[in-house]
Amino acid sequence: MRRSISFTVLFFVMLSVLVSCYQSHKRELDLAYTLAESKPDSALVFLNRINQGKLSDKDMAKYALTYYMAQDKSGVDVDNDSLIRIAYDWYGEHQDDSLYASSLYYMGKCFLLNDSMEQAKACLEKSYSISDSLHNLNLKCLALDKLIEVEEQLAPYKALNYAKALVKMYESMPNVSIYNKVAAHLRLGENFGFVDSLKQALEEEKKAYKLAMHAGDNSLLSYVSQGLANVFEKNGEEDSCLIYARHAYELNGTDRFSCQLMLASAYITVDSIKQAFAILKQTTPKTAEDYYSVFYTRSQAATKAQDYKMAKTFSDSACCYLQEMYRTASKAKVSYYSSFLKKESERAKMQGKAEVQRWVFGLTVLLCLIIILFVLYAYWSYRKLSLARIAHEQEIFSQKQQMMEKLHQEELSHRDVQLSVMRTYLQKKIEVVEKLNSSVPNESKHIVLSDNDWTELEVFLDSVEDLFVSRLKQKHPNLSKADLRLMMLLRLKLSQKTLASIYCVSEKAIKQKLFLYKDKVGIKNEHFSLRNYIENF
């Protein structure tokens, strides 16, 4: 009797422990979902504490959705679908759940990051429709914003209508952030530009500018000014383009690559070649796309300065980086679809669907081949066009030289004809170069510098800043490689926020680190900071 009572008590104790553990995980999961929108980093902390093995299928789906959402809100573009697909598959079988629309939105965003436009469109349209029926305005706006991004590549006029609808939605919402309104007007202006309605594009950009002025945020105003400069450039209003490009740079563009590039382009349009090269010299490109943009802009400036030999050199460099971009894109696509193939194959094997597995394998391989062939064809086409343009430019230049020699030998008897031919040639040259204009990629929040980046940075500072690194090593031989790298970043006048992104720590930790480094370089004055010392070194 006593033994049975003991077993009963032990059973209920174990049951209560299991229930309490489950309830604890469930509370942490609910809290993480609540925090994912406003405090994504804190949400990730809670999620990492949860034992996934103890979650039910429903909770695991919510866990996967919340984790992907927190990463997205933290500014990380996650193009790996292994996590969000768990939520997408489960909620797809339980479409009455209120989180189904959210899973569709984030799955659509993942498809968009991997350039699967038709799949992204299908998910986002469904998410938009369901969120509308649920009166979830925030999710509806998010889905519509991403739909615009998809349709910009598939149907520009449809994207324009979506952009107009997004502006109206934000104007009708009483508590919407002014930043969202500015972004909506900028997006609408951009879509007007895609359909060559530059007058309407300029009007929307000006509306965004007024809202940014009212917000009083220099960073926001800098982005809007840059957009205005871009529209003025397309309209051929060179002076206005330069004014707003310079305004954007002065507000918050000294460390922003796209802003520097816009100002350099504006200087080129008004024939201020020296200023353009000075701005381009300040840029710090990090990706192949950045290097391509810099060399392409330099080729424009050299052409405007009639230095055709240098323009050809810059064009060749830009072409090399363009090839690297295509190779990287091709490898990324192959990697993504190979990963997709592996996951689909494993799922088919687990479900005993060998035939489905073979179809998925064949279709995925075919899709990979199509993408590779498309990339190779696009690269080949661009290469052929570039070589043809360079050959055409060389031929024109050679003809021009021969003409000039002939005219010189005839003692400038046909000077008026020579000047007319030169003007015509320069106009054609400018038109050819202006066709090479391209967009600039987005920046990511976290900055990662490789050893090659550090080496290039050291060489750059030694050449531009009067052997800064060499002098620093000579005066402070006790500094380690990591110490020197921090000093190099300070020499570039990077903000504490940027330093925190590079070292992946908080701004407070960076501030403490700079204070501790004062002793290493022998700063005794408590009112004189390490940053001041490095900048005046």
Protein backbone atom coordinates (compact mmCIF):
# COMPACT_ATOMS: atom_id res chain seq x y z
CA MET A 1 0.00 0.00 0.00
CA ARG A 2 2.75 2.41 0.96
CA ARG A 3 4.70 1.49 -2.20
CA SER A 4 1.71 2.25 -4.46
CA ILE A 5 1.18 5.58 -2.71
CA SER A 6 4.88 6.42 -3.20
CA PHE A 7 4.72 5.60 -6.93
CA THR A 8 1.59 7.72 -7.30
CA VAL A 9 3.21 10.70 -5.58
CA LEU A 10 6.37 10.28 -7.70
CA PHE A 11 4.26 10.11 -10.88
CA PHE A 12 2.45 13.35 -10.09
CA VAL A 13 5.73 15.07 -9.14
CA MET A 14 7.32 14.11 -12.48
CA LEU A 15 4.18 15.13 -14.33
CA SER A 16 4.17 18.54 -12.63
CA VAL A 17 7.88 19.03 -13.50
CA LEU A 18 7.25 18.20 -17.15
CA VAL A 19 4.23 20.51 -17.31
CA SER A 20 6.15 23.34 -15.63
CA CYS A 21 9.06 22.92 -18.11
CA TYR A 22 6.63 23.00 -21.04
CA GLN A 23 4.84 26.04 -19.65
CA SER A 24 8.20 27.75 -19.09
CA HIS A 25 9.24 27.19 -22.71
CA LYS A 26 5.83 28.33 -23.91
CA ARG A 27 6.02 31.55 -21.84
CA GLU A 28 9.50 32.29 -23.19
CA LEU A 29 8.29 31.62 -26.74
CA ASP A 30 5.30 33.95 -26.31
CA LEU A 31 7.53 36.63 -24.79
CA ALA A 32 10.05 36.29 -27.63
CA TYR A 33 7.28 36.71 -30.21
CA THR A 34 6.12 39.87 -28.44
CA LEU A 35 9.65 41.28 -28.34
CA ALA A 36 10.55 40.32 -31.93
CA GLU A 37 8.88 43.44 -33.35
CA SER A 38 10.38 46.10 -31.05
CA LYS A 39 13.41 44.42 -29.42
CA PRO A 40 14.61 41.70 -31.80
CA ASP A 41 17.99 41.20 -30.08
CA SER A 42 16.28 40.46 -26.77
CA ALA A 43 13.90 38.08 -28.55
CA LEU A 44 16.86 36.14 -29.96
CA VAL A 45 18.29 35.79 -26.45
CA PHE A 46 15.05 34.19 -25.22
CA LEU A 47 14.82 31.94 -28.29
CA ASN A 48 18.36 30.64 -27.88
CA ARG A 49 17.47 29.53 -24.34
CA ILE A 50 14.61 27.32 -25.54
CA ASN A 51 15.21 23.61 -26.03
CA GLN A 52 13.72 22.96 -29.47
CA GLY A 53 13.52 19.23 -28.86
CA LYS A 54 10.82 19.75 -26.23
CA LEU A 55 8.55 21.84 -28.45
CA SER A 56 5.43 20.53 -30.16
CA ASP A 57 5.00 20.91 -33.93
CA LYS A 58 2.86 24.00 -33.42
CA ASP A 59 5.32 25.62 -31.02
CA MET A 60 8.23 24.69 -33.29
CA ALA A 61 6.49 26.46 -36.18
CA LYS A 62 6.02 29.55 -34.01
CA TYR A 63 9.64 29.27 -32.83
CA ALA A 64 10.91 29.16 -36.44
CA LEU A 65 8.71 32.10 -37.48
CA THR A 66 9.72 34.18 -34.45
CA TYR A 67 13.43 33.46 -34.94
CA TYR A 68 13.30 34.45 -38.61
CA MET A 69 11.26 37.54 -37.74
CA ALA A 70 13.75 38.62 -35.05
CA GLN A 71 16.66 38.19 -37.44
CA ASP A 72 14.83 40.24 -40.07
CA LYS A 73 14.00 43.03 -37.61
CA SER A 74 17.65 43.07 -36.52
CA GLY A 75 18.59 44.06 -40.06
CA VAL A 76 19.91 40.65 -41.18
CA ASP A 77 18.75 39.52 -44.64
CA VAL A 78 18.41 35.75 -44.18
CA ASP A 79 18.31 34.07 -47.60
CA ASN A 80 18.50 30.55 -46.14
CA ASP A 81 14.98 29.10 -46.02
CA SER A 82 15.71 26.16 -43.68
CA LEU A 83 14.10 27.92 -40.70
CA ILE A 84 11.19 29.86 -42.19
CA ARG A 85 10.17 26.84 -44.28
CA ILE A 86 9.34 24.95 -41.07
CA ALA A 87 6.80 27.63 -40.18
CA TYR A 88 5.61 27.97 -43.78
CA ASP A 89 4.91 24.23 -44.12
CA TRP A 90 3.10 23.90 -40.78
CA TYR A 91 0.95 27.02 -41.13
CA GLY A 92 0.22 26.00 -44.73
CA GLU A 93 -1.57 22.97 -43.30
CA HIS A 94 -3.27 25.10 -40.60
CA GLN A 95 -4.37 28.15 -42.55
CA ASP A 96 -6.94 29.15 -39.93
CA ASP A 97 -4.08 30.14 -37.60
CA SER A 98 -3.60 33.91 -37.23
CA LEU A 99 0.14 33.58 -37.94
CA TYR A 100 -0.40 32.09 -41.39
CA ALA A 101 -0.27 35.52 -43.05
CA SER A 102 3.03 36.33 -41.28
CA SER A 103 4.60 33.05 -42.39
CA LEU A 104 3.57 33.82 -45.98
CA TYR A 105 5.13 37.30 -45.76
CA TYR A 106 8.50 36.11 -44.47
CA MET A 107 8.57 33.16 -46.87
CA GLY A 108 7.90 35.60 -49.70
CA LYS A 109 10.70 37.84 -48.48
CA CYS A 110 13.05 34.82 -48.43
CA PHE A 111 12.07 33.96 -52.01
CA LEU A 112 12.71 37.60 -52.97
CA LEU A 113 16.21 37.49 -51.49
CA ASN A 114 16.91 34.46 -53.67
CA ASP A 115 15.44 36.09 -56.82
CA SER A 116 12.57 33.59 -57.01
CA MET A 117 10.20 36.32 -58.15
CA GLU A 118 7.12 34.30 -59.10
CA GLN A 119 7.17 32.36 -55.81
CA ALA A 120 7.75 35.56 -53.86
CA LYS A 121 4.85 37.22 -55.65
CA ALA A 122 2.47 34.35 -54.87
CA CYS A 123 3.34 34.36 -51.13
CA LEU A 124 3.19 38.15 -50.78
CA GLU A 125 -0.11 38.51 -52.63
CA LYS A 126 -1.69 35.88 -50.39
CA SER A 127 -0.23 37.50 -47.27
CA TYR A 128 -1.57 40.89 -48.39
CA SER A 129 -5.05 39.45 -48.98
CA ILE A 130 -5.22 37.61 -45.63
CA SER A 131 -3.84 40.55 -43.61
CA ASP A 132 -6.47 42.76 -45.25
CA SER A 133 -9.23 40.41 -44.15
CA LEU A 134 -7.73 40.30 -40.64
CA HIS A 135 -7.45 44.14 -40.56
CA ASN A 136 -3.75 43.79 -39.74
CA LEU A 137 -2.59 47.09 -41.25
CA ASN A 138 1.07 46.74 -40.27
CA LEU A 139 1.47 43.38 -41.97
CA LYS A 140 -0.60 44.61 -44.91
CA CYS A 141 1.80 47.53 -45.42
CA LEU A 142 4.84 45.27 -45.14
CA ALA A 143 3.44 42.82 -47.70
CA LEU A 144 2.52 45.64 -50.07
CA ASP A 145 5.99 47.17 -49.77
CA LYS A 146 7.63 43.88 -50.78
CA LEU A 147 5.07 43.36 -53.56
CA ILE A 148 6.20 46.68 -55.02
CA GLU A 149 9.78 45.43 -54.99
CA VAL A 150 8.75 42.27 -56.85
CA GLU A 151 6.56 44.00 -59.42
CA GLU A 152 9.28 46.57 -60.16
CA GLN A 153 11.06 43.77 -61.98
CA LEU A 154 7.99 42.04 -63.43
CA ALA A 155 5.40 44.77 -64.14
CA PRO A 156 6.56 48.39 -63.49
CA TYR A 157 3.12 49.95 -63.97
CA LYS A 158 1.55 47.51 -61.52
CA ALA A 159 4.32 48.35 -59.06
CA LEU A 160 3.47 52.03 -59.53
CA ASN A 161 -0.19 51.41 -58.61
CA TYR A 162 0.90 49.44 -55.54
CA ALA A 163 3.20 52.31 -54.52
CA LYS A 164 0.32 54.79 -54.80
CA ALA A 165 -1.82 52.52 -52.62
CA LEU A 166 0.96 52.30 -50.02
CA VAL A 167 1.20 56.10 -49.78
CA LYS A 168 -2.58 56.37 -49.31
CA MET A 169 -2.52 53.68 -46.62
CA TYR A 170 0.19 55.46 -44.62
CA GLU A 171 -1.60 58.80 -44.97
CA SER A 172 -4.81 57.25 -43.63
CA MET A 173 -3.11 55.64 -40.60
CA PRO A 174 -3.06 58.08 -37.64
CA ASN A 175 -0.09 56.69 -35.68
CA VAL A 176 2.23 55.80 -38.53
CA SER A 177 5.87 56.90 -38.23
CA ILE A 178 7.02 59.85 -40.32
CA TYR A 179 9.90 57.66 -41.48
CA ASN A 180 7.44 55.24 -43.04
CA LYS A 181 5.70 58.11 -44.82
CA VAL A 182 8.99 59.40 -46.17
CA ALA A 183 9.96 55.93 -47.35
CA ALA A 184 6.58 55.50 -49.07
CA HIS A 185 6.93 58.77 -50.99
CA LEU A 186 10.49 57.89 -51.96
CA ARG A 187 9.34 54.49 -53.18
CA LEU A 188 6.52 56.11 -55.20
CA GLY A 189 8.97 58.60 -56.72
CA GLU A 190 11.29 55.76 -57.64
CA ASN A 191 8.46 53.90 -59.37
CA PHE A 192 7.45 57.02 -61.30
CA GLY A 193 11.07 57.10 -62.49
CA PHE A 194 10.83 53.49 -63.65
CA VAL A 195 8.00 54.44 -66.04
CA ASP A 196 9.76 57.64 -67.17
CA SER A 197 7.33 59.97 -65.37
CA LEU A 198 10.14 62.16 -64.07
CA LYS A 199 7.93 65.15 -63.29
CA GLN A 200 5.74 63.10 -60.93
CA ALA A 201 8.86 61.46 -59.51
CA LEU A 202 10.25 64.89 -58.65
CA GLU A 203 6.99 65.89 -56.96
CA GLU A 204 7.05 62.80 -54.73
CA GLU A 205 10.70 63.34 -53.85
CA LYS A 206 9.89 66.93 -52.84
CA LYS A 207 7.04 65.71 -50.62
CA ALA A 208 9.44 63.31 -48.95
CA TYR A 209 11.91 66.17 -48.50
CA LYS A 210 9.31 68.32 -46.72
CA LEU A 211 8.44 65.47 -44.37
CA ALA A 212 12.12 64.83 -43.66
CA MET A 213 12.64 68.53 -42.90
CA HIS A 214 9.76 68.36 -40.45
CA ALA A 215 11.28 65.28 -38.76
CA GLY A 216 14.57 67.08 -38.19
CA ASP A 217 16.64 63.92 -38.73
CA ASN A 218 19.87 64.69 -40.62
CA SER A 219 20.39 61.08 -41.64
CA LEU A 220 16.88 60.85 -43.11
CA LEU A 221 17.24 64.24 -44.78
CA SER A 222 20.53 63.11 -46.31
CA TYR A 223 18.88 60.07 -47.91
CA VAL A 224 16.01 62.17 -49.28
CA SER A 225 18.41 64.80 -50.64
CA GLN A 226 20.33 62.06 -52.39
CA GLY A 227 17.11 60.84 -53.99
CA LEU A 228 16.29 64.37 -55.16
CA ALA A 229 19.76 64.72 -56.65
CA ASN A 230 19.24 61.48 -58.57
CA VAL A 231 15.92 62.69 -60.03
CA PHE A 232 17.37 66.08 -60.97
CA GLU A 233 20.21 64.27 -62.72
CA LYS A 234 17.75 62.22 -64.78
CA ASN A 235 15.86 65.46 -65.61
CA GLY A 236 19.08 67.05 -66.84
CA GLU A 237 18.98 69.79 -64.16
CA GLU A 238 22.69 69.65 -63.39
CA ASP A 239 22.94 72.58 -60.96
CA SER A 240 20.03 71.33 -58.82
CA CYS A 241 21.51 67.86 -58.88
CA LEU A 242 24.82 69.16 -57.53
CA ILE A 243 23.13 71.28 -54.85
CA TYR A 244 21.17 68.37 -53.37
CA ALA A 245 24.01 65.89 -53.77
CA ARG A 246 26.30 68.23 -51.84
CA HIS A 247 23.58 68.81 -49.24
CA ALA A 248 23.18 65.07 -48.73
CA TYR A 249 26.94 64.66 -48.38
CA GLU A 250 27.26 67.49 -45.85
CA LEU A 251 24.39 66.17 -43.70
CA ASN A 252 25.39 62.54 -43.29
CA GLY A 253 27.26 61.33 -46.33
CA THR A 254 30.96 61.45 -45.48
CA ASP A 255 30.94 57.76 -44.52
CA ARG A 256 28.09 56.64 -46.81
CA PHE A 257 29.32 55.15 -50.08
CA SER A 258 26.22 55.81 -52.19
CA CYS A 259 26.14 59.46 -51.14
CA GLN A 260 29.80 59.94 -52.07
CA LEU A 261 29.20 58.31 -55.44
CA MET A 262 26.17 60.54 -56.11
CA LEU A 263 28.18 63.69 -55.32
CA ALA A 264 31.04 62.59 -57.58
CA SER A 265 28.57 61.96 -60.41
CA ALA A 266 27.03 65.40 -59.87
CA TYR A 267 30.47 67.03 -60.06
CA ILE A 268 31.12 65.22 -63.33
CA THR A 269 27.89 66.54 -64.89
CA VAL A 270 29.01 70.14 -64.21
CA ASP A 271 32.58 69.46 -65.44
CA SER A 272 34.14 69.72 -61.94
CA ILE A 273 36.44 66.79 -62.64
CA LYS A 274 38.99 67.59 -59.94
CA GLN A 275 36.33 67.66 -57.23
CA ALA A 276 34.86 64.41 -58.56
CA PHE A 277 38.20 62.62 -58.31
CA ALA A 278 38.71 64.04 -54.81
CA ILE A 279 35.39 62.59 -53.65
CA LEU A 280 36.06 59.24 -55.33
CA LYS A 281 39.42 59.10 -53.55
CA GLN A 282 37.59 59.27 -50.20
CA THR A 283 35.34 56.29 -50.94
CA THR A 284 35.97 52.97 -49.23
CA PRO A 285 34.36 50.29 -51.43
CA LYS A 286 33.83 46.92 -49.77
CA THR A 287 32.13 44.73 -52.39
CA ALA A 288 32.70 44.02 -56.06
CA GLU A 289 29.61 46.12 -56.84
CA ASP A 290 31.16 49.06 -54.96
CA TYR A 291 34.47 48.75 -56.83
CA TYR A 292 32.63 48.52 -60.14
CA SER A 293 30.71 51.71 -59.38
CA VAL A 294 33.89 53.58 -58.38
CA PHE A 295 35.86 52.57 -61.47
CA TYR A 296 32.91 53.23 -63.75
CA THR A 297 32.49 56.74 -62.30
CA ARG A 298 36.21 57.35 -62.64
CA SER A 299 36.03 56.35 -66.30
CA GLN A 300 33.24 58.91 -66.75
CA ALA A 301 35.38 61.61 -65.13
CA ALA A 302 38.44 60.72 -67.22
CA THR A 303 36.37 60.79 -70.40
CA LYS A 304 34.96 64.20 -69.46
CA ALA A 305 38.56 65.36 -68.93
CA GLN A 306 39.49 63.95 -72.39
CA ASP A 307 42.00 61.58 -70.83
CA TYR A 308 40.94 58.63 -72.97
CA LYS A 309 43.84 56.39 -72.05
CA MET A 310 42.98 56.65 -68.36
CA ALA A 311 39.27 56.24 -69.16
CA LYS A 312 40.04 52.96 -70.94
CA THR A 313 42.07 51.76 -67.94
CA PHE A 314 39.22 52.52 -65.55
CA SER A 315 36.72 50.85 -67.91
CA ASP A 316 38.83 47.69 -67.98
CA SER A 317 38.95 47.65 -64.16
CA ALA A 318 35.20 48.13 -63.96
CA CYS A 319 34.71 45.28 -66.42
CA CYS A 320 36.88 42.98 -64.25
CA TYR A 321 34.75 43.69 -61.18
CA LEU A 322 31.61 43.17 -63.24
CA GLN A 323 32.89 39.72 -64.16
CA GLU A 324 33.51 39.02 -60.48
CA MET A 325 29.93 40.08 -59.68
CA TYR A 326 28.53 37.65 -62.24
CA ARG A 327 30.74 34.83 -60.98
CA THR A 328 29.65 35.48 -57.39
CA ALA A 329 25.99 35.60 -58.38
CA SER A 330 26.35 32.35 -60.30
CA LYS A 331 28.03 30.59 -57.36
CA ALA A 332 25.37 31.87 -54.95
CA LYS A 333 22.56 30.61 -57.14
CA VAL A 334 24.16 27.21 -57.57
CA SER A 335 24.76 26.99 -53.83
CA TYR A 336 21.19 27.98 -52.97
CA TYR A 337 19.52 25.60 -55.38
CA SER A 338 21.90 22.80 -54.47
CA SER A 339 20.90 23.30 -50.85
CA PHE A 340 17.26 23.38 -51.86
CA LEU A 341 17.72 20.15 -53.77
CA LYS A 342 19.30 18.43 -50.78
CA LYS A 343 16.49 19.40 -48.41
CA GLU A 344 13.77 18.40 -50.84
CA SER A 345 15.49 15.07 -51.48
CA GLU A 346 15.69 14.30 -47.78
CA ARG A 347 12.06 15.20 -47.26
CA ALA A 348 10.97 12.96 -50.14
CA LYS A 349 13.03 10.09 -48.73
CA MET A 350 11.49 10.47 -45.27
CA GLN A 351 8.00 10.44 -46.74
CA GLY A 352 8.75 7.50 -48.98
CA LYS A 353 8.09 9.45 -52.17
CA ALA A 354 10.91 8.31 -54.41
CA GLU A 355 9.16 9.51 -57.54
CA VAL A 356 8.63 12.98 -56.12
CA GLN A 357 12.29 13.00 -55.12
CA ARG A 358 13.40 12.31 -58.69
CA TRP A 359 11.13 15.05 -60.05
CA VAL A 360 12.39 17.60 -57.53
CA PHE A 361 15.98 16.64 -58.33
CA GLY A 362 15.45 16.99 -62.06
CA LEU A 363 13.57 20.27 -61.81
CA THR A 364 16.08 21.79 -59.42
CA VAL A 365 19.05 20.80 -61.56
CA LEU A 366 17.25 22.15 -64.61
CA LEU A 367 16.55 25.41 -62.77
CA CYS A 368 20.22 25.65 -61.73
CA LEU A 369 21.32 25.09 -65.34
CA ILE A 370 18.87 27.70 -66.61
CA ILE A 371 20.14 30.24 -64.09
CA ILE A 372 23.79 29.47 -64.90
CA LEU A 373 23.10 29.73 -68.64
CA PHE A 374 21.21 32.98 -68.09
CA VAL A 375 24.07 34.48 -66.05
CA LEU A 376 26.65 33.32 -68.61
CA TYR A 377 24.56 34.68 -71.46
CA ALA A 378 24.09 38.02 -69.69
CA TYR A 379 27.82 38.20 -68.97
CA TRP A 380 28.72 37.25 -72.55
CA SER A 381 26.30 39.83 -73.93
CA TYR A 382 27.65 42.56 -71.68
CA ARG A 383 31.25 41.60 -72.44
CA LYS A 384 30.58 41.65 -76.17
CA LEU A 385 28.86 45.04 -75.88
CA SER A 386 31.69 46.44 -73.78
CA LEU A 387 34.36 45.25 -76.22
CA ALA A 388 32.39 46.68 -79.11
CA ARG A 389 32.07 50.02 -77.35
CA ILE A 390 35.78 50.10 -76.49
CA ALA A 391 36.72 49.18 -80.07
CA HIS A 392 34.35 51.86 -81.36
CA GLU A 393 35.87 54.42 -79.00
CA GLN A 394 39.38 53.45 -80.03
CA GLU A 395 38.45 53.68 -83.69
CA ILE A 396 36.90 57.11 -83.21
CA PHE A 397 39.91 58.24 -81.19
CA SER A 398 42.31 56.96 -83.87
CA GLN A 399 40.34 58.71 -86.59
CA LYS A 400 40.36 61.86 -84.53
CA GLN A 401 44.12 61.73 -84.10
CA GLN A 402 44.64 61.25 -87.81
CA MET A 403 42.33 64.13 -88.58
CA MET A 404 44.13 66.40 -86.11
CA GLU A 405 47.54 65.51 -87.60
CA LYS A 406 46.28 66.17 -91.09
CA LEU A 407 44.77 69.49 -90.10
CA HIS A 408 47.99 70.44 -88.29
CA GLN A 409 50.04 69.64 -91.39
CA GLU A 410 47.78 71.85 -93.47
CA GLU A 411 48.59 74.74 -91.04
CA LEU A 412 45.11 74.82 -89.48
CA SER A 413 43.47 75.90 -92.74
CA HIS A 414 40.21 74.25 -91.72
CA ARG A 415 40.10 75.22 -88.03
CA ASP A 416 36.32 75.74 -87.92
CA VAL A 417 35.72 72.26 -89.34
CA GLN A 418 38.08 70.74 -86.76
CA LEU A 419 36.29 72.38 -83.85
CA SER A 420 32.92 71.20 -85.15
CA VAL A 421 34.14 67.61 -85.47
CA MET A 422 35.61 67.74 -81.95
CA ARG A 423 32.34 68.96 -80.44
CA THR A 424 30.40 66.20 -82.25
CA TYR A 425 32.89 63.58 -81.10
CA LEU A 426 32.72 64.70 -77.46
CA GLN A 427 28.92 64.64 -77.52
CA LYS A 428 28.92 61.09 -78.87
CA LYS A 429 31.56 60.09 -76.31
CA ILE A 430 29.49 61.44 -73.43
CA GLU A 431 26.36 59.67 -74.70
CA VAL A 432 28.20 56.36 -74.88
CA VAL A 433 29.59 56.68 -71.35
CA GLU A 434 26.28 57.76 -69.82
CA LYS A 435 24.70 54.47 -70.93
CA LEU A 436 26.85 52.64 -68.38
CA ASN A 437 24.95 54.04 -65.39
CA SER A 438 23.87 51.45 -62.82
CA SER A 439 22.30 51.26 -59.34
CA VAL A 440 24.17 50.88 -56.05
CA PRO A 441 23.46 47.97 -53.70
CA ASN A 442 22.15 48.30 -50.24
CA GLU A 443 24.37 48.31 -47.17
CA SER A 444 24.18 45.82 -44.42
CA LYS A 445 24.10 46.81 -40.76
CA HIS A 446 27.00 44.59 -39.52
CA ILE A 447 30.40 45.26 -41.08
CA VAL A 448 32.91 42.42 -41.48
CA LEU A 449 36.49 43.25 -42.52
CA SER A 450 38.71 40.49 -43.91
CA ASP A 451 42.50 40.38 -43.71
CA ASN A 452 42.64 41.65 -47.29
CA ASP A 453 40.43 44.60 -46.30
CA TRP A 454 42.77 45.45 -43.42
CA THR A 455 45.80 45.22 -45.70
CA GLU A 456 44.17 47.50 -48.28
CA LEU A 457 43.20 49.92 -45.51
CA GLU A 458 46.77 50.02 -44.20
CA VAL A 459 48.17 50.69 -47.68
CA PHE A 460 45.51 53.36 -48.25
CA LEU A 461 46.31 55.20 -45.00
CA ASP A 462 50.06 55.04 -45.63
CA SER A 463 49.64 56.51 -49.10
CA VAL A 464 47.03 59.16 -48.29
CA GLU A 465 47.76 60.04 -44.66
CA ASP A 466 51.53 60.55 -44.88
CA LEU A 467 52.63 57.05 -43.77
CA PHE A 468 50.24 57.10 -40.83
CA VAL A 469 50.49 53.38 -40.01
CA SER A 470 54.27 53.27 -40.41
CA ARG A 471 54.72 56.32 -38.17
CA LEU A 472 52.37 54.84 -35.59
CA LYS A 473 54.30 51.54 -35.54
CA GLN A 474 57.59 53.40 -35.16
CA LYS A 475 56.42 55.61 -32.32
CA HIS A 476 54.45 52.89 -30.48
CA PRO A 477 56.17 49.53 -31.14
CA ASN A 478 54.23 48.02 -28.23
CA LEU A 479 50.94 48.13 -30.16
CA SER A 480 49.65 44.77 -31.41
CA LYS A 481 48.08 44.13 -34.82
CA ALA A 482 44.59 44.43 -33.29
CA ASP A 483 45.60 47.72 -31.61
CA LEU A 484 46.89 49.12 -34.89
CA ARG A 485 43.68 48.16 -36.66
CA LEU A 486 41.61 50.06 -34.12
CA MET A 487 43.86 53.13 -34.58
CA MET A 488 43.39 52.87 -38.35
CA LEU A 489 39.61 52.93 -37.93
CA LEU A 490 39.89 55.95 -35.63
CA ARG A 491 42.03 57.72 -38.25
CA LEU A 492 39.13 57.30 -40.67
CA LYS A 493 36.93 59.15 -38.13
CA LEU A 494 34.46 56.29 -37.85
CA SER A 495 31.70 56.77 -35.30
CA GLN A 496 31.40 54.64 -32.19
CA LYS A 497 28.28 53.08 -33.70
CA THR A 498 30.26 51.96 -36.76
CA LEU A 499 33.09 50.65 -34.58
CA ALA A 500 30.56 48.72 -32.55
CA SER A 501 29.21 47.15 -35.78
CA ILE A 502 32.74 46.17 -36.88
CA TYR A 503 33.69 44.58 -33.54
CA CYS A 504 30.13 43.28 -32.93
CA VAL A 505 29.98 44.82 -29.44
CA SER A 506 27.98 47.60 -27.84
CA GLU A 507 28.86 51.28 -28.16
CA LYS A 508 29.52 51.38 -24.42
CA ALA A 509 32.12 48.62 -24.78
CA ILE A 510 33.84 50.59 -27.56
CA LYS A 511 33.90 53.69 -25.37
CA GLN A 512 35.52 51.75 -22.52
CA LYS A 513 38.02 50.19 -24.92
CA LEU A 514 39.10 53.62 -26.23
CA PHE A 515 39.56 54.85 -22.68
CA LEU A 516 41.80 51.89 -21.79
CA TYR A 517 43.94 52.42 -24.91
CA LYS A 518 44.99 55.88 -23.70
CA ASP A 519 47.62 54.34 -21.44
CA LYS A 520 49.08 52.30 -24.32
CA VAL A 521 49.87 55.44 -26.32
CA GLY A 522 50.90 57.48 -23.26
CA ILE A 523 48.05 60.00 -23.02
CA LYS A 524 48.13 61.52 -19.54
CA ASN A 525 45.66 64.37 -20.07
CA GLU A 526 42.23 63.12 -18.99
CA HIS A 527 40.51 65.76 -21.15
CA PHE A 528 42.36 64.62 -24.30
CA SER A 529 40.75 61.54 -25.88
CA LEU A 530 42.38 58.76 -27.86
CA ARG A 531 40.33 59.81 -30.91
CA ASN A 532 41.76 63.36 -30.75
CA TYR A 533 45.27 61.95 -30.44
CA ILE A 534 44.91 59.70 -33.50
CA GLU A 535 43.21 62.33 -35.65
CA ASN A 536 46.01 64.84 -34.89
CA PHE A 537 48.86 62.30 -35.07
